[in-house]
């Protein structure tokens, strides 16, 4: 076995050992429990009624909230959901505005034949976007 092969096997062994050690330490530090994600992880900023109710229930149980605190928590999370929804809408508006401005600048420097090709390029890109899962309607 040549020196490069031995070096590769040695590096691979160190990597696998580190990976196994990391998993083992995670299990030890977690006390054998499956670790749950943070409160808002995985919501993608979308907390519809079923998800919102589940979050309220989980927090209420975990924090041992009384009925008054639960009501207040519900109000806070509903307001938060609305703030995030408004922020997403504003972000989409700003992105659309930036895209339109960028296209205006690009169009200003192109010849007529290039403009036609740009329009075709944009049409194809938009078609691909619509066909992908979760794409625009």
Protein backbone atom coordinates (compact mmCIF):
# COMPACT_ATOMS: atom_id res chain seq x y z
CA UNK A 1 0.00 0.00 0.00
CA UNK A 2 1.46 3.35 -1.01
CA UNK A 3 1.72 6.40 1.20
CA UNK A 4 -1.25 8.23 -0.37
CA UNK A 5 -3.57 5.30 0.27
CA UNK A 6 -2.45 5.04 3.88
CA UNK A 7 -2.96 8.79 4.35
CA UNK A 8 -6.45 8.54 2.87
CA UNK A 9 -7.41 5.59 5.07
CA UNK A 10 -5.96 7.37 8.11
CA UNK A 11 -7.98 10.56 7.34
CA UNK A 12 -11.13 8.51 6.72
CA UNK A 13 -10.64 6.70 10.02
CA UNK A 14 -10.27 9.99 11.89
CA UNK A 15 -13.40 11.37 10.23
CA UNK A 16 -15.51 8.29 11.06
CA UNK A 17 -14.17 8.25 14.62
CA UNK A 18 -15.09 11.91 15.07
CA UNK A 19 -18.55 11.28 13.69
CA UNK A 20 -19.14 8.34 16.02
CA UNK A 21 -17.77 10.26 18.99
CA UNK A 22 -20.06 13.19 18.18
CA UNK A 23 -23.12 10.94 18.04
CA UNK A 24 -22.12 9.19 21.26
CA UNK A 25 -21.53 12.47 23.12
CA UNK A 26 -24.84 13.83 21.87
CA UNK A 27 -26.67 10.78 23.22
CA UNK A 28 -24.82 10.95 26.54
CA UNK A 29 -25.45 14.68 26.97
CA UNK A 30 -29.10 14.28 25.97
CA UNK A 31 -29.47 11.58 28.62
CA UNK A 32 -30.73 9.09 26.05
CA UNK A 33 -33.67 11.37 25.17
CA UNK A 34 -34.52 12.27 21.65
CA UNK A 35 -33.74 15.95 21.40
CA UNK A 36 -36.65 18.13 20.25
CA UNK A 37 -36.09 21.08 17.95
CA UNK A 38 -36.34 24.62 19.29
CA UNK A 39 -39.82 26.10 19.72
CA UNK A 40 -40.19 27.74 16.31
CA UNK A 41 -37.91 25.37 14.36
CA UNK A 42 -39.44 23.96 11.25
CA UNK A 43 -42.46 26.27 11.15
CA UNK A 44 -41.03 28.20 8.23
CA UNK A 45 -42.67 31.24 9.78
CA UNK A 46 -46.11 29.76 9.12
CA UNK A 47 -48.11 29.05 12.22
CA UNK A 48 -51.67 28.33 11.10
CA UNK A 49 -54.39 27.48 13.62
CA UNK A 50 -53.52 23.76 14.10
CA UNK A 51 -49.81 24.46 14.48
CA UNK A 52 -50.43 27.49 16.68
CA UNK A 53 -52.71 25.50 18.99
CA UNK A 54 -50.13 22.72 19.19
CA UNK A 55 -47.41 25.22 20.11
CA UNK A 56 -49.65 26.78 22.76
CA UNK A 57 -50.44 23.34 24.18
CA UNK A 58 -46.78 22.29 24.24
CA UNK A 59 -45.61 25.49 25.90
CA UNK A 60 -48.49 25.48 28.38
CA UNK A 61 -47.68 21.95 29.41
CA UNK A 62 -43.92 22.46 29.51
CA UNK A 63 -44.15 25.71 31.49
CA UNK A 64 -47.13 24.61 33.61
CA UNK A 65 -49.13 27.74 32.68
CA UNK A 66 -52.39 28.59 34.39
CA UNK A 67 -55.50 29.50 32.36
CA UNK A 68 -54.78 33.26 32.44
CA UNK A 69 -51.18 32.78 31.30
CA UNK A 70 -52.35 30.43 28.55
CA UNK A 71 -54.78 33.08 27.26
CA UNK A 72 -52.03 35.71 27.29
CA UNK A 73 -49.64 33.32 25.52
CA UNK A 74 -52.28 32.66 22.88
CA UNK A 75 -52.71 36.40 22.25
CA UNK A 76 -48.95 36.96 22.06
CA UNK A 77 -48.44 34.13 19.57
CA UNK A 78 -51.37 35.25 17.41
CA UNK A 79 -49.93 38.78 17.25
CA UNK A 80 -46.52 37.30 16.47
CA UNK A 81 -48.01 35.21 13.65
CA UNK A 82 -49.56 38.35 12.17
CA UNK A 83 -46.26 40.28 12.45
CA UNK A 84 -44.39 37.49 10.65
CA UNK A 85 -47.08 37.31 7.95
CA UNK A 86 -46.83 41.07 7.38
CA UNK A 87 -43.02 40.88 7.29
CA UNK A 88 -43.17 38.09 4.66
CA UNK A 89 -45.58 40.12 2.53
CA UNK A 90 -43.35 43.19 2.75
CA UNK A 91 -40.29 41.10 1.89
CA UNK A 92 -42.04 39.69 -1.20
CA UNK A 93 -43.00 43.22 -2.27
CA UNK A 94 -39.41 44.45 -1.88
CA UNK A 95 -38.03 41.47 -3.79
CA UNK A 96 -40.51 42.01 -6.64
CA UNK A 97 -39.55 45.70 -6.75
CA UNK A 98 -35.80 44.89 -6.82
CA UNK A 99 -36.35 42.31 -9.58
CA UNK A 100 -38.30 44.79 -11.73
CA UNK A 101 -35.67 47.49 -11.24
CA UNK A 102 -32.87 45.06 -12.13
CA UNK A 103 -34.69 43.96 -15.29
CA UNK A 104 -35.25 47.62 -16.31
CA UNK A 105 -31.51 48.26 -16.00
CA UNK A 106 -30.63 45.12 -17.98
CA UNK A 107 -33.18 45.93 -20.70
CA UNK A 108 -31.71 49.42 -21.09
CA UNK A 109 -28.36 48.01 -22.21
CA UNK A 110 -29.65 45.33 -24.62
CA UNK A 111 -30.26 45.48 -28.37
CA UNK A 112 -33.76 44.55 -29.70
CA UNK A 113 -32.68 40.99 -30.65
CA UNK A 114 -31.21 40.50 -27.16
CA UNK A 115 -34.41 41.81 -25.57
CA UNK A 116 -36.39 39.06 -27.32
CA UNK A 117 -33.97 36.42 -26.04
CA UNK A 118 -34.15 37.87 -22.53
CA UNK A 119 -37.96 37.72 -22.59
CA UNK A 120 -37.83 34.09 -23.70
CA UNK A 121 -35.29 33.28 -20.99
CA UNK A 122 -37.53 34.86 -18.34
CA UNK A 123 -40.63 33.02 -19.64
CA UNK A 124 -38.83 29.66 -19.43
CA UNK A 125 -37.53 30.40 -15.92
CA UNK A 126 -41.02 31.36 -14.75
CA UNK A 127 -42.48 28.19 -16.29
CA UNK A 128 -39.90 26.06 -14.47
CA UNK A 129 -40.72 27.85 -11.23
CA UNK A 130 -44.44 27.22 -11.63
CA UNK A 131 -43.91 23.51 -12.39
CA UNK A 132 -41.80 22.81 -9.31
CA UNK A 133 -43.52 21.64 -6.10
CA UNK A 134 -44.59 24.66 -4.10
CA UNK A 135 -44.10 26.99 -7.07
CA UNK A 136 -46.34 29.93 -7.84
CA UNK A 137 -49.81 29.12 -9.24
